[in-house]
Amino acid sequence: MARRSEQSPKDGRSYRSPWRVLASAFEKSRDLWKAKYKSLQERIKAFRTEVRDLRRSRDRWRAKAEALQQETFRLRAQLQRQV
């Protein structure tokens, strides 16, 4: 049961389990890693989308606030001229 694999890998490691068992374990590990990476990529995309939307909203509010501020200055100047 605890025999060494027939061929040793290129990086010098030797495993006690048979290659068929190792292949299954490595495949499962790879699939889990890929799923984790895909999930993280989806979260990153969602965060980037949210940041983009928030920036657009902030820019719209800033433009609106600046326009209202200019209108306020204009009305105050007009009021000063009348007084």
PDB file of N, CA and C in Angstrom:
ATOM      1  N   MET A   1       0.810  -1.198   0.000  1.00  0.00           N
ATOM      2  CA  MET A   1       0.000   0.000   0.000  1.00  0.00           C
ATOM      3  C   MET A   1       0.854   1.263   0.000  1.00  0.00           C
ATOM      4  N   ALA A   2       1.891   1.281   0.772  1.00  0.00           N
ATOM      5  CA  ALA A   2       2.714   2.479   0.879  1.00  0.00           C
ATOM      6  C   ALA A   2       3.947   2.365  -0.003  1.00  0.00           C
ATOM      7  N   ARG A   3       3.769   1.871  -1.200  1.00  0.00           N
ATOM      8  CA  ARG A   3       4.922   1.732  -2.088  1.00  0.00           C
ATOM      9  C   ARG A   3       5.184   3.041  -2.814  1.00  0.00           C
ATOM     10  N   ARG A   4       6.374   3.199  -3.264  1.00  0.00           N
ATOM     11  CA  ARG A   4       6.754   4.416  -3.972  1.00  0.00           C
ATOM     12  C   ARG A   4       6.254   4.343  -5.410  1.00  0.00           C
ATOM     13  N   SER A   5       5.995   5.513  -5.976  1.00  0.00           N
ATOM     14  CA  SER A   5       5.580   5.573  -7.371  1.00  0.00           C
ATOM     15  C   SER A   5       6.712   5.096  -8.255  1.00  0.00           C
ATOM     16  N   GLU A   6       6.325   4.546  -9.403  1.00  0.00           N
ATOM     17  CA  GLU A   6       7.320   3.971 -10.298  1.00  0.00           C
ATOM     18  C   GLU A   6       8.268   5.028 -10.860  1.00  0.00           C
ATOM     19  N   GLN A   7       7.738   6.185 -11.203  1.00  0.00           N
ATOM     20  CA  GLN A   7       8.558   7.232 -11.797  1.00  0.00           C
ATOM     21  C   GLN A   7       8.573   8.427 -10.853  1.00  0.00           C
ATOM     22  N   SER A   8       9.731   9.015 -10.692  1.00  0.00           N
ATOM     23  CA  SER A   8       9.797  10.195  -9.833  1.00  0.00           C
ATOM     24  C   SER A   8       9.595  11.441 -10.689  1.00  0.00           C
ATOM     25  N   PRO A   9       8.965  12.444 -10.142  1.00  0.00           N
ATOM     26  CA  PRO A   9       8.743  13.669 -10.907  1.00  0.00           C
ATOM     27  C   PRO A   9      10.049  14.393 -11.209  1.00  0.00           C
ATOM     28  N   LYS A  10       9.971  15.342 -12.117  1.00  0.00           N
ATOM     29  CA  LYS A  10      11.163  16.056 -12.567  1.00  0.00           C
ATOM     30  C   LYS A  10      11.747  16.960 -11.488  1.00  0.00           C
ATOM     31  N   ASP A  11      10.918  17.425 -10.560  1.00  0.00           N
ATOM     32  CA  ASP A  11      11.432  18.355  -9.562  1.00  0.00           C
ATOM     33  C   ASP A  11      12.102  17.645  -8.385  1.00  0.00           C
ATOM     34  N   GLY A  12      12.215  16.350  -8.426  1.00  0.00           N
ATOM     35  CA  GLY A  12      12.960  15.624  -7.411  1.00  0.00           C
ATOM     36  C   GLY A  12      12.119  15.116  -6.253  1.00  0.00           C
ATOM     37  N   ARG A  13      10.845  15.439  -6.203  1.00  0.00           N
ATOM     38  CA  ARG A  13       9.998  14.939  -5.118  1.00  0.00           C
ATOM     39  C   ARG A  13       9.672  13.474  -5.373  1.00  0.00           C
ATOM     40  N   SER A  14       9.542  12.741  -4.312  1.00  0.00           N
ATOM     41  CA  SER A  14       9.064  11.364  -4.465  1.00  0.00           C
ATOM     42  C   SER A  14       7.817  11.214  -3.609  1.00  0.00           C
ATOM     43  N   TYR A  15       6.826  10.583  -4.173  1.00  0.00           N
ATOM     44  CA  TYR A  15       5.557  10.407  -3.487  1.00  0.00           C
ATOM     45  C   TYR A  15       5.381   8.929  -3.163  1.00  0.00           C
ATOM     46  N   ARG A  16       4.742   8.659  -2.060  1.00  0.00           N
ATOM     47  CA  ARG A  16       4.528   7.276  -1.645  1.00  0.00           C
ATOM     48  C   ARG A  16       3.273   6.688  -2.275  1.00  0.00           C
ATOM     49  N   SER A  17       2.363   7.544  -2.682  1.00  0.00           N
ATOM     50  CA  SER A  17       1.108   7.072  -3.261  1.00  0.00           C
ATOM     51  C   SER A  17       1.290   6.755  -4.738  1.00  0.00           C
ATOM     52  N   PRO A  18       0.450   5.864  -5.263  1.00  0.00           N
ATOM     53  CA  PRO A  18       0.514   5.562  -6.700  1.00  0.00           C
ATOM     54  C   PRO A  18       0.092   6.785  -7.527  1.00  0.00           C
ATOM     55  N   TRP A  19       0.584   6.835  -8.767  1.00  0.00           N
ATOM     56  CA  TRP A  19       0.324   7.986  -9.621  1.00  0.00           C
ATOM     57  C   TRP A  19      -1.157   8.196  -9.884  1.00  0.00           C
ATOM     58  N   ARG A  20      -1.940   7.144  -9.988  1.00  0.00           N
ATOM     59  CA  ARG A  20      -3.370   7.317 -10.253  1.00  0.00           C
ATOM     60  C   ARG A  20      -4.050   8.058  -9.108  1.00  0.00           C
ATOM     61  N   VAL A  21      -3.609   7.790  -7.889  1.00  0.00           N
ATOM     62  CA  VAL A  21      -4.170   8.487  -6.730  1.00  0.00           C
ATOM     63  C   VAL A  21      -3.679   9.939  -6.711  1.00  0.00           C
ATOM     64  N   LEU A  22      -2.406  10.106  -6.996  1.00  0.00           N
ATOM     65  CA  LEU A  22      -1.845  11.459  -7.032  1.00  0.00           C
ATOM     66  C   LEU A  22      -2.518  12.299  -8.113  1.00  0.00           C
ATOM     67  N   ALA A  23      -2.725  11.704  -9.278  1.00  0.00           N
ATOM     68  CA  ALA A  23      -3.351  12.437 -10.379  1.00  0.00           C
ATOM     69  C   ALA A  23      -4.738  12.919  -9.971  1.00  0.00           C
ATOM     70  N   SER A  24      -5.487  12.057  -9.306  1.00  0.00           N
ATOM     71  CA  SER A  24      -6.822  12.432  -8.856  1.00  0.00           C
ATOM     72  C   SER A  24      -6.751  13.570  -7.837  1.00  0.00           C
ATOM     73  N   ALA A  25      -5.822  13.471  -6.900  1.00  0.00           N
ATOM     74  CA  ALA A  25      -5.678  14.512  -5.878  1.00  0.00           C
ATOM     75  C   ALA A  25      -5.234  15.830  -6.500  1.00  0.00           C
ATOM     76  N   PHE A  26      -4.285  15.754  -7.428  1.00  0.00           N
ATOM     77  CA  PHE A  26      -3.808  16.975  -8.073  1.00  0.00           C
ATOM     78  C   PHE A  26      -4.904  17.617  -8.920  1.00  0.00           C
ATOM     79  N   GLU A  27      -5.691  16.789  -9.588  1.00  0.00           N
ATOM     80  CA  GLU A  27      -6.780  17.312 -10.406  1.00  0.00           C
ATOM     81  C   GLU A  27      -7.820  18.009  -9.528  1.00  0.00           C
ATOM     82  N   LYS A  28      -8.156  17.394  -8.404  1.00  0.00           N
ATOM     83  CA  LYS A  28      -9.118  17.995  -7.478  1.00  0.00           C
ATOM     84  C   LYS A  28      -8.573  19.319  -6.941  1.00  0.00           C
ATOM     85  N   SER A  29      -7.299  19.319  -6.580  1.00  0.00           N
ATOM     86  CA  SER A  29      -6.664  20.536  -6.074  1.00  0.00           C
ATOM     87  C   SER A  29      -6.696  21.639  -7.125  1.00  0.00           C
ATOM     88  N   ARG A  30      -6.376  21.276  -8.360  1.00  0.00           N
ATOM     89  CA  ARG A  30      -6.393  22.246  -9.457  1.00  0.00           C
ATOM     90  C   ARG A  30      -7.796  22.807  -9.668  1.00  0.00           C
ATOM     91  N   ASP A  31      -8.800  21.921  -9.651  1.00  0.00           N
ATOM     92  CA  ASP A  31     -10.170  22.365  -9.866  1.00  0.00           C
ATOM     93  C   ASP A  31     -10.629  23.311  -8.758  1.00  0.00           C
ATOM     94  N   LEU A  32     -10.252  23.011  -7.517  1.00  0.00           N
ATOM     95  CA  LEU A  32     -10.604  23.892  -6.402  1.00  0.00           C
ATOM     96  C   LEU A  32      -9.920  25.247  -6.547  1.00  0.00           C
ATOM     97  N   TRP A  33      -8.655  25.218  -6.955  1.00  0.00           N
ATOM     98  CA  TRP A  33      -7.922  26.467  -7.136  1.00  0.00           C
ATOM     99  C   TRP A  33      -8.555  27.304  -8.247  1.00  0.00           C
ATOM    100  N   LYS A  34      -8.917  26.645  -9.348  1.00  0.00           N
ATOM    101  CA  LYS A  34      -9.536  27.366 -10.464  1.00  0.00           C
ATOM    102  C   LYS A  34     -10.876  27.968 -10.054  1.00  0.00           C
ATOM    103  N   ALA A  35     -11.664  27.217  -9.277  1.00  0.00           N
ATOM    104  CA  ALA A  35     -12.960  27.730  -8.823  1.00  0.00           C
ATOM    105  C   ALA A  35     -12.760  28.936  -7.905  1.00  0.00           C
ATOM    106  N   LYS A  36     -11.783  28.843  -7.019  1.00  0.00           N
ATOM    107  CA  LYS A  36     -11.487  29.957  -6.118  1.00  0.00           C
ATOM    108  C   LYS A  36     -11.045  31.181  -6.917  1.00  0.00           C
ATOM    109  N   TYR A  37     -10.178  30.973  -7.887  1.00  0.00           N
ATOM    110  CA  TYR A  37      -9.679  32.069  -8.713  1.00  0.00           C
ATOM    111  C   TYR A  37     -10.821  32.704  -9.506  1.00  0.00           C
ATOM    112  N   LYS A  38     -11.702  31.873 -10.061  1.00  0.00           N
ATOM    113  CA  LYS A  38     -12.830  32.386 -10.835  1.00  0.00           C
ATOM    114  C   LYS A  38     -13.753  33.212  -9.946  1.00  0.00           C
ATOM    115  N   SER A  39     -13.999  32.732  -8.740  1.00  0.00           N
ATOM    116  CA  SER A  39     -14.833  33.463  -7.795  1.00  0.00           C
ATOM    117  C   SER A  39     -14.214  34.819  -7.461  1.00  0.00           C
ATOM    118  N   LEU A  40     -12.911  34.829  -7.238  1.00  0.00           N
ATOM    119  CA  LEU A  40     -12.231  36.088  -6.932  1.00  0.00           C
ATOM    120  C   LEU A  40     -12.280  37.042  -8.117  1.00  0.00           C
ATOM    121  N   GLN A  41     -12.124  36.517  -9.324  1.00  0.00           N
ATOM    122  CA  GLN A  41     -12.196  37.363 -10.517  1.00  0.00           C
ATOM    123  C   GLN A  41     -13.587  37.988 -10.656  1.00  0.00           C
ATOM    124  N   GLU A  42     -14.629  37.217 -10.331  1.00  0.00           N
ATOM    125  CA  GLU A  42     -15.988  37.744 -10.399  1.00  0.00           C
ATOM    126  C   GLU A  42     -16.189  38.852  -9.367  1.00  0.00           C
ATOM    127  N   ARG A  43     -15.636  38.664  -8.167  1.00  0.00           N
ATOM    128  CA  ARG A  43     -15.727  39.702  -7.131  1.00  0.00           C
ATOM    129  C   ARG A  43     -14.987  40.961  -7.567  1.00  0.00           C
ATOM    130  N   ILE A  44     -13.810  40.781  -8.158  1.00  0.00           N
ATOM    131  CA  ILE A  44     -13.037  41.933  -8.630  1.00  0.00           C
ATOM    132  C   ILE A  44     -13.830  42.690  -9.689  1.00  0.00           C
ATOM    133  N   LYS A  45     -14.438  41.955 -10.616  1.00  0.00           N
ATOM    134  CA  LYS A  45     -15.223  42.599 -11.670  1.00  0.00           C
ATOM    135  C   LYS A  45     -16.404  43.361 -11.068  1.00  0.00           C
ATOM    136  N   ALA A  46     -17.065  42.758 -10.074  1.00  0.00           N
ATOM    137  CA  ALA A  46     -18.193  43.427  -9.425  1.00  0.00           C
ATOM    138  C   ALA A  46     -17.735  44.695  -8.712  1.00  0.00           C
ATOM    139  N   PHE A  47     -16.592  44.624  -8.027  1.00  0.00           N
ATOM    140  CA  PHE A  47     -16.066  45.805  -7.341  1.00  0.00           C
ATOM    141  C   PHE A  47     -15.694  46.900  -8.336  1.00  0.00           C
ATOM    142  N   ARG A  48     -15.079  46.516  -9.438  1.00  0.00           N
ATOM    143  CA  ARG A  48     -14.708  47.514 -10.453  1.00  0.00           C
ATOM    144  C   ARG A  48     -15.947  48.182 -11.038  1.00  0.00           C
ATOM    145  N   THR A  49     -16.987  47.392 -11.274  1.00  0.00           N
ATOM    146  CA  THR A  49     -18.238  47.943 -11.793  1.00  0.00           C
ATOM    147  C   THR A  49     -18.847  48.910 -10.783  1.00  0.00           C
ATOM    148  N   GLU A  50     -18.831  48.515  -9.517  1.00  0.00           N
ATOM    149  CA  GLU A  50     -19.379  49.376  -8.473  1.00  0.00           C
ATOM    150  C   GLU A  50     -18.586  50.681  -8.373  1.00  0.00           C
ATOM    151  N   VAL A  51     -17.275  50.586  -8.425  1.00  0.00           N
ATOM    152  CA  VAL A  51     -16.432  51.785  -8.370  1.00  0.00           C
ATOM    153  C   VAL A  51     -16.727  52.693  -9.559  1.00  0.00           C
ATOM    154  N   ARG A  52     -16.848  52.107 -10.740  1.00  0.00           N
ATOM    155  CA  ARG A  52     -17.157  52.896 -11.938  1.00  0.00           C
ATOM    156  C   ARG A  52     -18.484  53.627 -11.774  1.00  0.00           C
ATOM    157  N   ASP A  53     -19.507  52.906 -11.295  1.00  0.00           N
ATOM    158  CA  ASP A  53     -20.819  53.516 -11.113  1.00  0.00           C
ATOM    159  C   ASP A  53     -20.784  54.620 -10.059  1.00  0.00           C
ATOM    160  N   LEU A  54     -20.059  54.380  -8.972  1.00  0.00           N
ATOM    161  CA  LEU A  54     -19.957  55.396  -7.920  1.00  0.00           C
ATOM    162  C   LEU A  54     -19.222  56.637  -8.412  1.00  0.00           C
ATOM    163  N   ARG A  55     -18.192  56.445  -9.215  1.00  0.00           N
ATOM    164  CA  ARG A  55     -17.477  57.600  -9.771  1.00  0.00           C
ATOM    165  C   ARG A  55     -18.387  58.419 -10.675  1.00  0.00           C
ATOM    166  N   ARG A  56     -19.150  57.730 -11.505  1.00  0.00           N
ATOM    167  CA  ARG A  56     -20.076  58.448 -12.390  1.00  0.00           C
ATOM    168  C   ARG A  56     -21.101  59.229 -11.571  1.00  0.00           C
ATOM    169  N   SER A  57     -21.634  58.590 -10.540  1.00  0.00           N
ATOM    170  CA  SER A  57     -22.616  59.250  -9.689  1.00  0.00           C
ATOM    171  C   SER A  57     -21.997  60.461  -8.997  1.00  0.00           C
ATOM    172  N   ARG A  58     -20.791  60.294  -8.470  1.00  0.00           N
ATOM    173  CA  ARG A  58     -20.098  61.394  -7.799  1.00  0.00           C
ATOM    174  C   ARG A  58     -19.863  62.546  -8.770  1.00  0.00           C
ATOM    175  N   ASP A  59     -19.455  62.219  -9.986  1.00  0.00           N
ATOM    176  CA  ASP A  59     -19.207  63.264 -10.981  1.00  0.00           C
ATOM    177  C   ASP A  59     -20.491  64.018 -11.335  1.00  0.00           C
ATOM    178  N   ARG A  60     -21.604  63.281 -11.431  1.00  0.00           N
ATOM    179  CA  ARG A  60     -22.885  63.944 -11.715  1.00  0.00           C
ATOM    180  C   ARG A  60     -23.275  64.880 -10.570  1.00  0.00           C
ATOM    181  N   TRP A  61     -23.129  64.394  -9.332  1.00  0.00           N
ATOM    182  CA  TRP A  61     -23.468  65.224  -8.176  1.00  0.00           C
ATOM    183  C   TRP A  61     -22.549  66.434  -8.084  1.00  0.00           C
ATOM    184  N   ARG A  62     -21.269  66.236  -8.374  1.00  0.00           N
ATOM    185  CA  ARG A  62     -20.317  67.351  -8.334  1.00  0.00           C
ATOM    186  C   ARG A  62     -20.695  68.409  -9.369  1.00  0.00           C
ATOM    187  N   ALA A  63     -21.020  67.969 -10.577  1.00  0.00           N
ATOM    188  CA  ALA A  63     -21.406  68.917 -11.626  1.00  0.00           C
ATOM    189  C   ALA A  63     -22.679  69.670 -11.232  1.00  0.00           C
ATOM    190  N   LYS A  64     -23.620  68.947 -10.648  1.00  0.00           N
ATOM    191  CA  LYS A  64     -24.864  69.582 -10.215  1.00  0.00           C
ATOM    192  C   LYS A  64     -24.590  70.598  -9.103  1.00  0.00           C
ATOM    193  N   ALA A  65     -23.748  70.226  -8.143  1.00  0.00           N
ATOM    194  CA  ALA A  65     -23.415  71.132  -7.039  1.00  0.00           C
ATOM    195  C   ALA A  65     -22.686  72.367  -7.549  1.00  0.00           C
ATOM    196  N   GLU A  66     -21.775  72.191  -8.487  1.00  0.00           N
ATOM    197  CA  GLU A  66     -21.049  73.338  -9.042  1.00  0.00           C
ATOM    198  C   GLU A  66     -21.985  74.261  -9.814  1.00  0.00           C
ATOM    199  N   ALA A  67     -22.922  73.676 -10.548  1.00  0.00           N
ATOM    200  CA  ALA A  67     -23.885  74.495 -11.291  1.00  0.00           C
ATOM    201  C   ALA A  67     -24.762  75.284 -10.323  1.00  0.00           C
ATOM    202  N   LEU A  68     -25.197  74.641  -9.252  1.00  0.00           N
ATOM    203  CA  LEU A  68     -26.019  75.341  -8.265  1.00  0.00           C
ATOM    204  C   LEU A  68     -25.220  76.421  -7.545  1.00  0.00           C
ATOM    205  N   GLN A  69     -23.958  76.168  -7.300  1.00  0.00           N
ATOM    206  CA  GLN A  69     -23.113  77.170  -6.661  1.00  0.00           C
ATOM    207  C   GLN A  69     -22.948  78.390  -7.576  1.00  0.00           C
ATOM    208  N   GLN A  70     -22.741  78.152  -8.848  1.00  0.00           N
ATOM    209  CA  GLN A  70     -22.636  79.260  -9.805  1.00  0.00           C
ATOM    210  C   GLN A  70     -23.945  80.053  -9.864  1.00  0.00           C
ATOM    211  N   GLU A  71     -25.047  79.334  -9.825  1.00  0.00           N
ATOM    212  CA  GLU A  71     -26.359  79.995  -9.830  1.00  0.00           C
ATOM    213  C   GLU A  71     -26.524  80.845  -8.568  1.00  0.00           C
ATOM    214  N   THR A  72     -26.066  80.327  -7.442  1.00  0.00           N
ATOM    215  CA  THR A  72     -26.131  81.074  -6.183  1.00  0.00           C
ATOM    216  C   THR A  72     -25.301  82.347  -6.274  1.00  0.00           C
ATOM    217  N   PHE A  73     -24.085  82.241  -6.793  1.00  0.00           N
ATOM    218  CA  PHE A  73     -23.232  83.422  -6.952  1.00  0.00           C
ATOM    219  C   PHE A  73     -23.887  84.452  -7.872  1.00  0.00           C
ATOM    220  N   ARG A  74     -24.469  83.975  -8.947  1.00  0.00           N
ATOM    221  CA  ARG A  74     -25.118  84.872  -9.902  1.00  0.00           C
ATOM    222  C   ARG A  74     -26.296  85.595  -9.251  1.00  0.00           C
ATOM    223  N   LEU A  75     -27.104  84.849  -8.494  1.00  0.00           N
ATOM    224  CA  LEU A  75     -28.267  85.462  -7.850  1.00  0.00           C
ATOM    225  C   LEU A  75     -27.845  86.440  -6.754  1.00  0.00           C
ATOM    226  N   ARG A  76     -26.783  86.117  -6.016  1.00  0.00           N
ATOM    227  CA  ARG A  76     -26.297  87.034  -4.975  1.00  0.00           C
ATOM    228  C   ARG A  76     -25.769  88.323  -5.603  1.00  0.00           C
ATOM    229  N   ALA A  77     -25.057  88.184  -6.708  1.00  0.00           N
ATOM    230  CA  ALA A  77     -24.547  89.373  -7.399  1.00  0.00           C
ATOM    231  C   ALA A  77     -25.704  90.225  -7.906  1.00  0.00           C
ATOM    232  N   GLN A  78     -26.726  89.578  -8.423  1.00  0.00           N
ATOM    233  CA  GLN A  78     -27.900  90.298  -8.912  1.00  0.00           C
ATOM    234  C   GLN A  78     -28.595  91.009  -7.757  1.00  0.00           C
ATOM    235  N   LEU A  79     -28.690  90.350  -6.617  1.00  0.00           N
ATOM    236  CA  LEU A  79     -29.310  90.944  -5.440  1.00  0.00           C
ATOM    237  C   LEU A  79     -28.501  92.147  -4.950  1.00  0.00           C
ATOM    238  N   GLN A  80     -27.180  92.048  -4.976  1.00  0.00           N
ATOM    239  CA  GLN A  80     -26.317  93.155  -4.554  1.00  0.00           C
ATOM    240  C   GLN A  80     -26.492  94.367  -5.465  1.00  0.00           C
ATOM    241  N   ARG A  81     -26.672  94.121  -6.750  1.00  0.00           N
ATOM    242  CA  ARG A  81     -26.864  95.228  -7.690  1.00  0.00           C
ATOM    243  C   ARG A  81     -28.192  95.939  -7.438  1.00  0.00           C
ATOM    244  N   GLN A  82     -29.187  95.200  -7.002  1.00  0.00           N
ATOM    245  CA  GLN A  82     -30.510  95.781  -6.768  1.00  0.00           C
ATOM    246  C   GLN A  82     -30.548  96.581  -5.475  1.00  0.00           C
ATOM    247  N   VAL A  83     -29.725  96.235  -4.528  1.00  0.00           N
ATOM    248  CA  VAL A  83     -29.738  96.923  -3.242  1.00  0.00           C
ATOM    249  C   VAL A  83     -28.921  98.128  -3.276  1.00  0.00           C
TER     250      VAL A  83
END
